[in-house]
Amino acid sequence: MNHPGGTDQSDAVTRGVECRTFPEGEARTVQIGRTYDAPLEDVWEACTEPERIRRWFLPVSGELREGGRYQLEGNAGGLIERCEPPHHFAASWEYGGNVSWIELHLSGADGGGTRFELWHTMPVGDHWRQFGPGAVGIGWDLGLLGLARNLATGESADPKAAAAFPASEAGRRFIEESSRGWCEADIASGEEREHASAAAARTFAFYTGAGPNSAS
């Protein structure tokens, strides 16, 4: 997929970080949203039907229904815990021995189109302290960019072009803008600026190929 530059995406996307407390300990919810100029049912299908998902995100297998398990090729899998078409689903996100949770919320937008809101909740551990919200936030920014292109043009992603994008000049600019946005969201949630900036720098380095540690 030939990604456009990042400025339009950065302007279109809202980002937030919410501090949460569970009996098991502290957690953070990374929140990302944007409005698509597409019918709600079309956006729902793009996010829930395997053939549509592979066009802008990753190939997926499993039973995409409430109570079923899914697996994204080379990435996370998990259990679909709730599904309320065409507005909401919630699932676990299991990757690299860690478990977090995602929720998708779709609604009609003022003036037409569809409002897309994704929440990704994870425990506060070493991974969060090292990378902060950008570890998943940049990946979701890239995903929403791909979804925007697919909804607007119907074109499928080119996996080779998508893999090469972060190392390109446009890709580095996009990731820098995304990283800056997540850093500011982290600070707005109460994180100290120095710590948030250091975490954002580590995440940027990983996504652009300069860092040795995984931020997935």
C-alpha atoms as a PDB file:
ATOM      1  CA  MET A   1       0.000   0.000   0.000  1.00  0.00           C
ATOM      2  CA  ASN A   2       1.345   3.403  -0.913  1.00  0.00           C
ATOM      3  CA  HIS A   3       0.670   5.453   2.194  1.00  0.00           C
ATOM      4  CA  PRO A   4       0.071   9.177   1.849  1.00  0.00           C
ATOM      5  CA  GLY A   5       1.940  11.637   4.026  1.00  0.00           C
ATOM      6  CA  GLY A   6       1.079  11.833   7.686  1.00  0.00           C
ATOM      7  CA  THR A   7      -0.278  15.332   8.141  1.00  0.00           C
ATOM      8  CA  ASP A   8      -3.855  14.605   7.042  1.00  0.00           C
ATOM      9  CA  GLN A   9      -3.976  11.557   9.310  1.00  0.00           C
ATOM     10  CA  SER A  10      -2.564  13.487  12.263  1.00  0.00           C
ATOM     11  CA  ASP A  11      -5.137  16.213  11.829  1.00  0.00           C
ATOM     12  CA  ALA A  12      -7.999  13.728  11.468  1.00  0.00           C
ATOM     13  CA  VAL A  13      -7.166  11.486  14.437  1.00  0.00           C
ATOM     14  CA  THR A  14      -7.968  12.064  18.108  1.00  0.00           C
ATOM     15  CA  ARG A  15      -5.754  10.418  20.712  1.00  0.00           C
ATOM     16  CA  GLY A  16      -6.106   9.949  24.432  1.00  0.00           C
ATOM     17  CA  VAL A  17      -4.748   7.950  27.360  1.00  0.00           C
ATOM     18  CA  GLU A  18      -6.937   7.058  30.339  1.00  0.00           C
ATOM     19  CA  CYS A  19      -5.544   5.858  33.672  1.00  0.00           C
ATOM     20  CA  ARG A  20      -7.471   2.926  35.097  1.00  0.00           C
ATOM     21  CA  THR A  21      -7.226   0.763  38.210  1.00  0.00           C
ATOM     22  CA  PHE A  22      -8.255  -2.888  38.411  1.00  0.00           C
ATOM     23  CA  PRO A  23      -8.017  -5.345  41.329  1.00  0.00           C
ATOM     24  CA  GLU A  24      -4.938  -6.772  39.582  1.00  0.00           C
ATOM     25  CA  GLY A  25      -3.239  -3.371  39.402  1.00  0.00           C
ATOM     26  CA  GLU A  26      -2.858  -0.252  37.270  1.00  0.00           C
ATOM     27  CA  ALA A  27      -3.760  -0.166  33.588  1.00  0.00           C
ATOM     28  CA  ARG A  28      -3.880   2.364  30.776  1.00  0.00           C
ATOM     29  CA  THR A  29      -6.416   2.664  27.970  1.00  0.00           C
ATOM     30  CA  VAL A  30      -5.046   4.040  24.709  1.00  0.00           C
ATOM     31  CA  GLN A  31      -7.889   5.709  22.769  1.00  0.00           C
ATOM     32  CA  ILE A  32      -7.780   6.524  19.062  1.00  0.00           C
ATOM     33  CA  GLY A  33     -10.593   7.788  16.859  1.00  0.00           C
ATOM     34  CA  ARG A  34     -11.440   9.417  13.568  1.00  0.00           C
ATOM     35  CA  THR A  35     -14.474  10.014  11.354  1.00  0.00           C
ATOM     36  CA  TYR A  36     -14.742   8.219   8.021  1.00  0.00           C
ATOM     37  CA  ASP A  37     -16.815   9.411   5.093  1.00  0.00           C
ATOM     38  CA  ALA A  38     -18.449   5.995   4.721  1.00  0.00           C
ATOM     39  CA  PRO A  39     -21.688   4.326   5.883  1.00  0.00           C
ATOM     40  CA  LEU A  40     -21.609   2.704   9.315  1.00  0.00           C
ATOM     41  CA  GLU A  41     -22.415  -0.737   7.883  1.00  0.00           C
ATOM     42  CA  ASP A  42     -19.507  -0.475   5.437  1.00  0.00           C
ATOM     43  CA  VAL A  43     -17.035   0.428   8.190  1.00  0.00           C
ATOM     44  CA  TRP A  44     -18.368  -2.423  10.345  1.00  0.00           C
ATOM     45  CA  GLU A  45     -17.875  -4.921   7.519  1.00  0.00           C
ATOM     46  CA  ALA A  46     -14.354  -3.611   6.892  1.00  0.00           C
ATOM     47  CA  CYS A  47     -13.508  -4.259  10.564  1.00  0.00           C
ATOM     48  CA  THR A  48     -15.207  -7.631  11.022  1.00  0.00           C
ATOM     49  CA  GLU A  49     -15.194  -9.618   7.756  1.00  0.00           C
ATOM     50  CA  PRO A  50     -11.977 -11.577   7.087  1.00  0.00           C
ATOM     51  CA  GLU A  51     -11.780 -10.707   3.391  1.00  0.00           C
ATOM     52  CA  ARG A  52     -12.241  -7.006   4.149  1.00  0.00           C
ATOM     53  CA  ILE A  53      -9.790  -6.995   7.090  1.00  0.00           C
ATOM     54  CA  ARG A  54      -6.948  -8.421   5.004  1.00  0.00           C
ATOM     55  CA  ARG A  55      -7.318  -5.612   2.462  1.00  0.00           C
ATOM     56  CA  TRP A  56      -6.162  -2.924   4.908  1.00  0.00           C
ATOM     57  CA  PHE A  57      -4.744  -4.637   8.003  1.00  0.00           C
ATOM     58  CA  LEU A  58      -3.600  -8.280   8.143  1.00  0.00           C
ATOM     59  CA  PRO A  59      -4.909 -11.708   7.097  1.00  0.00           C
ATOM     60  CA  VAL A  60      -7.065 -13.126   9.882  1.00  0.00           C
ATOM     61  CA  SER A  61      -8.306 -16.631  10.635  1.00  0.00           C
ATOM     62  CA  GLY A  62     -10.627 -18.196  13.202  1.00  0.00           C
ATOM     63  CA  GLU A  63     -14.263 -17.757  14.136  1.00  0.00           C
ATOM     64  CA  LEU A  64     -15.111 -14.076  14.004  1.00  0.00           C
ATOM     65  CA  ARG A  65     -18.146 -14.229  16.262  1.00  0.00           C
ATOM     66  CA  GLU A  66     -18.862 -13.761  19.964  1.00  0.00           C
ATOM     67  CA  GLY A  67     -17.108 -16.555  21.842  1.00  0.00           C
ATOM     68  CA  GLY A  68     -14.842 -17.383  18.911  1.00  0.00           C
ATOM     69  CA  ARG A  69     -11.083 -17.054  18.689  1.00  0.00           C
ATOM     70  CA  TYR A  70      -9.205 -15.138  16.023  1.00  0.00           C
ATOM     71  CA  GLN A  71      -5.584 -14.997  14.881  1.00  0.00           C
ATOM     72  CA  LEU A  72      -3.966 -12.181  12.905  1.00  0.00           C
ATOM     73  CA  GLU A  73      -1.168 -13.490  10.700  1.00  0.00           C
ATOM     74  CA  GLY A  74       2.165 -12.847  12.403  1.00  0.00           C
ATOM     75  CA  ASN A  75       0.563 -10.757  15.124  1.00  0.00           C
ATOM     76  CA  ALA A  76      -1.996 -10.965  17.931  1.00  0.00           C
ATOM     77  CA  GLY A  77      -4.813 -13.407  18.504  1.00  0.00           C
ATOM     78  CA  GLY A  78      -7.447 -13.751  21.172  1.00  0.00           C
ATOM     79  CA  LEU A  79     -11.028 -14.306  22.244  1.00  0.00           C
ATOM     80  CA  ILE A  80     -13.952 -12.253  20.937  1.00  0.00           C
ATOM     81  CA  GLU A  81     -15.703 -11.468  24.207  1.00  0.00           C
ATOM     82  CA  ARG A  82     -18.624  -9.323  22.993  1.00  0.00           C
ATOM     83  CA  CYS A  83     -20.102  -8.504  19.606  1.00  0.00           C
ATOM     84  CA  GLU A  84     -23.027  -6.155  18.953  1.00  0.00           C
ATOM     85  CA  PRO A  85     -23.297  -5.515  15.176  1.00  0.00           C
ATOM     86  CA  PRO A  86     -22.867  -2.976  13.733  1.00  0.00           C
ATOM     87  CA  HIS A  87     -21.690  -0.872  16.664  1.00  0.00           C
ATOM     88  CA  HIS A  88     -19.363  -2.668  19.041  1.00  0.00           C
ATOM     89  CA  PHE A  89     -17.061  -5.589  19.676  1.00  0.00           C
ATOM     90  CA  ALA A  90     -14.545  -6.376  22.406  1.00  0.00           C
ATOM     91  CA  ALA A  91     -11.743  -8.929  22.353  1.00  0.00           C
ATOM     92  CA  SER A  92      -8.582  -9.959  24.137  1.00  0.00           C
ATOM     93  CA  TRP A  93      -5.308  -9.097  22.399  1.00  0.00           C
ATOM     94  CA  GLU A  94      -2.741 -11.823  23.110  1.00  0.00           C
ATOM     95  CA  TYR A  95       0.776 -11.323  21.791  1.00  0.00           C
ATOM     96  CA  GLY A  96       4.256 -12.337  22.917  1.00  0.00           C
ATOM     97  CA  GLY A  97       2.973 -13.852  26.150  1.00  0.00           C
ATOM     98  CA  ASN A  98       1.166 -10.651  27.123  1.00  0.00           C
ATOM     99  CA  VAL A  99      -2.593 -10.071  27.283  1.00  0.00           C
ATOM    100  CA  SER A 100      -4.374  -6.770  26.719  1.00  0.00           C
ATOM    101  CA  TRP A 101      -7.867  -5.908  25.477  1.00  0.00           C
ATOM    102  CA  ILE A 102      -9.369  -4.002  22.564  1.00  0.00           C
ATOM    103  CA  GLU A 103     -12.813  -2.490  22.062  1.00  0.00           C
ATOM    104  CA  LEU A 104     -14.227  -1.031  18.851  1.00  0.00           C
ATOM    105  CA  HIS A 105     -17.099   1.459  18.943  1.00  0.00           C
ATOM    106  CA  LEU A 106     -18.800   2.707  15.752  1.00  0.00           C
ATOM    107  CA  SER A 107     -21.535   5.327  15.595  1.00  0.00           C
ATOM    108  CA  GLY A 108     -23.116   7.687  13.120  1.00  0.00           C
ATOM    109  CA  ALA A 109     -21.202  10.964  12.902  1.00  0.00           C
ATOM    110  CA  ASP A 110     -22.690  14.426  12.933  1.00  0.00           C
ATOM    111  CA  GLY A 111     -23.033  15.570   9.331  1.00  0.00           C
ATOM    112  CA  GLY A 112     -22.810  12.027   7.981  1.00  0.00           C
ATOM    113  CA  GLY A 113     -20.195   9.323   7.903  1.00  0.00           C
ATOM    114  CA  THR A 114     -19.083   7.031  10.703  1.00  0.00           C
ATOM    115  CA  ARG A 115     -17.240   7.758  13.914  1.00  0.00           C
ATOM    116  CA  PHE A 116     -14.590   5.085  14.648  1.00  0.00           C
ATOM    117  CA  GLU A 117     -13.301   4.759  18.225  1.00  0.00           C
ATOM    118  CA  LEU A 118     -10.803   2.081  19.301  1.00  0.00           C
ATOM    119  CA  TRP A 119      -9.741   1.507  22.902  1.00  0.00           C
ATOM    120  CA  HIS A 120      -6.733  -0.657  23.773  1.00  0.00           C
ATOM    121  CA  THR A 121      -6.321  -1.402  27.483  1.00  0.00           C
ATOM    122  CA  MET A 122      -3.117  -2.868  28.904  1.00  0.00           C
ATOM    123  CA  PRO A 123      -1.558  -3.409  32.323  1.00  0.00           C
ATOM    124  CA  VAL A 124       1.155  -1.016  33.429  1.00  0.00           C
ATOM    125  CA  GLY A 125       4.328  -3.091  33.409  1.00  0.00           C
ATOM    126  CA  ASP A 126       7.878  -2.890  32.153  1.00  0.00           C
ATOM    127  CA  HIS A 127       6.715  -2.728  28.539  1.00  0.00           C
ATOM    128  CA  TRP A 128       4.463   0.277  29.176  1.00  0.00           C
ATOM    129  CA  ARG A 129       7.085   2.065  31.255  1.00  0.00           C
ATOM    130  CA  GLN A 130       9.651   1.597  28.485  1.00  0.00           C
ATOM    131  CA  PHE A 131       7.550   2.542  25.458  1.00  0.00           C
ATOM    132  CA  GLY A 132       4.390   4.298  26.653  1.00  0.00           C
ATOM    133  CA  PRO A 133       1.191   4.583  24.585  1.00  0.00           C
ATOM    134  CA  GLY A 134       2.976   4.911  21.242  1.00  0.00           C
ATOM    135  CA  ALA A 135       3.955   1.242  21.364  1.00  0.00           C
ATOM    136  CA  VAL A 136       0.434   0.316  20.269  1.00  0.00           C
ATOM    137  CA  GLY A 137      -0.715   3.795  19.281  1.00  0.00           C
ATOM    138  CA  ILE A 138       1.609   4.151  16.285  1.00  0.00           C
ATOM    139  CA  GLY A 139       0.511   0.762  15.010  1.00  0.00           C
ATOM    140  CA  TRP A 140      -3.133   1.769  15.283  1.00  0.00           C
ATOM    141  CA  ASP A 141      -2.363   5.068  13.545  1.00  0.00           C
ATOM    142  CA  LEU A 142      -0.929   3.085  10.646  1.00  0.00           C
ATOM    143  CA  GLY A 143      -3.976   0.813  10.683  1.00  0.00           C
ATOM    144  CA  LEU A 144      -6.451   3.700  10.586  1.00  0.00           C
ATOM    145  CA  LEU A 145      -4.523   5.211   7.703  1.00  0.00           C
ATOM    146  CA  GLY A 146      -4.859   1.962   5.765  1.00  0.00           C
ATOM    147  CA  LEU A 147      -8.554   1.738   6.588  1.00  0.00           C
ATOM    148  CA  ALA A 148      -9.092   5.312   5.349  1.00  0.00           C
ATOM    149  CA  ARG A 149      -7.484   4.481   2.015  1.00  0.00           C
ATOM    150  CA  ASN A 150      -9.472   1.262   1.635  1.00  0.00           C
ATOM    151  CA  LEU A 151     -12.800   2.904   2.443  1.00  0.00           C
ATOM    152  CA  ALA A 152     -12.087   5.789   0.070  1.00  0.00           C
ATOM    153  CA  THR A 153     -10.750   3.791  -2.899  1.00  0.00           C
ATOM    154  CA  GLY A 154     -11.570   0.118  -2.350  1.00  0.00           C
ATOM    155  CA  GLU A 155      -7.908  -0.691  -2.997  1.00  0.00           C
ATOM    156  CA  SER A 156      -6.190  -3.513  -1.125  1.00  0.00           C
ATOM    157  CA  ALA A 157      -2.947  -3.063   0.766  1.00  0.00           C
ATOM    158  CA  ASP A 158       0.345  -4.005  -0.884  1.00  0.00           C
ATOM    159  CA  PRO A 159       2.151  -5.868   1.939  1.00  0.00           C
ATOM    160  CA  LYS A 160       5.613  -5.106   0.548  1.00  0.00           C
ATOM    161  CA  ALA A 161       4.893  -1.385   0.251  1.00  0.00           C
ATOM    162  CA  ALA A 162       3.364  -1.324   3.740  1.00  0.00           C
ATOM    163  CA  ALA A 163       6.433  -3.076   5.201  1.00  0.00           C
ATOM    164  CA  ALA A 164       8.768  -0.602   3.494  1.00  0.00           C
ATOM    165  CA  PHE A 165       6.779   2.496   4.481  1.00  0.00           C
ATOM    166  CA  PRO A 166       8.293   3.086   7.988  1.00  0.00           C
ATOM    167  CA  ALA A 167      11.795   3.309   6.529  1.00  0.00           C
ATOM    168  CA  SER A 168      10.791   5.833   3.855  1.00  0.00           C
ATOM    169  CA  GLU A 169      10.999   9.592   4.303  1.00  0.00           C
ATOM    170  CA  ALA A 170       7.197   9.869   4.338  1.00  0.00           C
ATOM    171  CA  GLY A 171       7.002   6.982   6.778  1.00  0.00           C
ATOM    172  CA  ARG A 172       9.474   8.476   9.200  1.00  0.00           C
ATOM    173  CA  ARG A 173       7.581  11.779   9.057  1.00  0.00           C
ATOM    174  CA  PHE A 174       4.284   9.984   9.716  1.00  0.00           C
ATOM    175  CA  ILE A 175       5.722   8.027  12.645  1.00  0.00           C
ATOM    176  CA  GLU A 176       7.310  11.174  14.074  1.00  0.00           C
ATOM    177  CA  GLU A 177       3.945  12.971  13.980  1.00  0.00           C
ATOM    178  CA  SER A 178       2.185   9.963  15.493  1.00  0.00           C
ATOM    179  CA  SER A 179       4.824   9.599  18.211  1.00  0.00           C
ATOM    180  CA  ARG A 180       4.545  13.297  19.078  1.00  0.00           C
ATOM    181  CA  GLY A 181       0.767  13.000  19.310  1.00  0.00           C
ATOM    182  CA  TRP A 182       0.956  10.019  21.648  1.00  0.00           C
ATOM    183  CA  CYS A 183       3.576  11.736  23.765  1.00  0.00           C
ATOM    184  CA  GLU A 184       1.261  14.714  24.268  1.00  0.00           C
ATOM    185  CA  ALA A 185      -1.649  12.376  25.089  1.00  0.00           C
ATOM    186  CA  ASP A 186       0.561  10.637  27.661  1.00  0.00           C
ATOM    187  CA  ILE A 187       1.471  13.959  29.272  1.00  0.00           C
ATOM    188  CA  ALA A 188      -2.188  15.039  29.295  1.00  0.00           C
ATOM    189  CA  SER A 189      -3.029  11.862  31.227  1.00  0.00           C
ATOM    190  CA  GLY A 190      -0.647  12.894  34.016  1.00  0.00           C
ATOM    191  CA  GLU A 191       2.680  11.388  32.946  1.00  0.00           C
ATOM    192  CA  GLU A 192       5.792  13.494  33.540  1.00  0.00           C
ATOM    193  CA  ARG A 193       6.999  15.169  30.346  1.00  0.00           C
ATOM    194  CA  GLU A 194      10.559  13.890  30.683  1.00  0.00           C
ATOM    195  CA  HIS A 195       9.449  10.276  31.039  1.00  0.00           C
ATOM    196  CA  ALA A 196       6.828  10.541  28.279  1.00  0.00           C
ATOM    197  CA  SER A 197       9.338  12.092  25.882  1.00  0.00           C
ATOM    198  CA  ALA A 198      11.936   9.401  26.582  1.00  0.00           C
ATOM    199  CA  ALA A 199       9.382   6.626  26.013  1.00  0.00           C
ATOM    200  CA  ALA A 200       8.231   8.267  22.772  1.00  0.00           C
ATOM    201  CA  ALA A 201      11.839   8.482  21.544  1.00  0.00           C
ATOM    202  CA  ARG A 202      12.388   4.766  22.196  1.00  0.00           C
ATOM    203  CA  THR A 203       9.192   3.871  20.368  1.00  0.00           C
ATOM    204  CA  PHE A 204      10.039   6.102  17.400  1.00  0.00           C
ATOM    205  CA  ALA A 205      13.477   4.460  17.195  1.00  0.00           C
ATOM    206  CA  PHE A 206      11.912   1.002  17.123  1.00  0.00           C
ATOM    207  CA  TYR A 207       9.334   1.749  14.458  1.00  0.00           C
ATOM    208  CA  THR A 208      11.870   3.413  12.165  1.00  0.00           C
ATOM    209  CA  GLY A 209      14.388   0.579  12.494  1.00  0.00           C
ATOM    210  CA  ALA A 210      16.845   2.241  14.837  1.00  0.00           C
ATOM    211  CA  GLY A 211      15.939   0.418  18.038  1.00  0.00           C
ATOM    212  CA  PRO A 212      16.780  -3.132  19.195  1.00  0.00           C
ATOM    213  CA  ASN A 213      13.665  -3.716  21.296  1.00  0.00           C
ATOM    214  CA  SER A 214      10.187  -4.711  20.215  1.00  0.00           C
ATOM    215  CA  ALA A 215       7.358  -2.255  20.819  1.00  0.00           C
ATOM    216  CA  SER A 216       4.540  -4.419  19.460  1.00  0.00           C
END
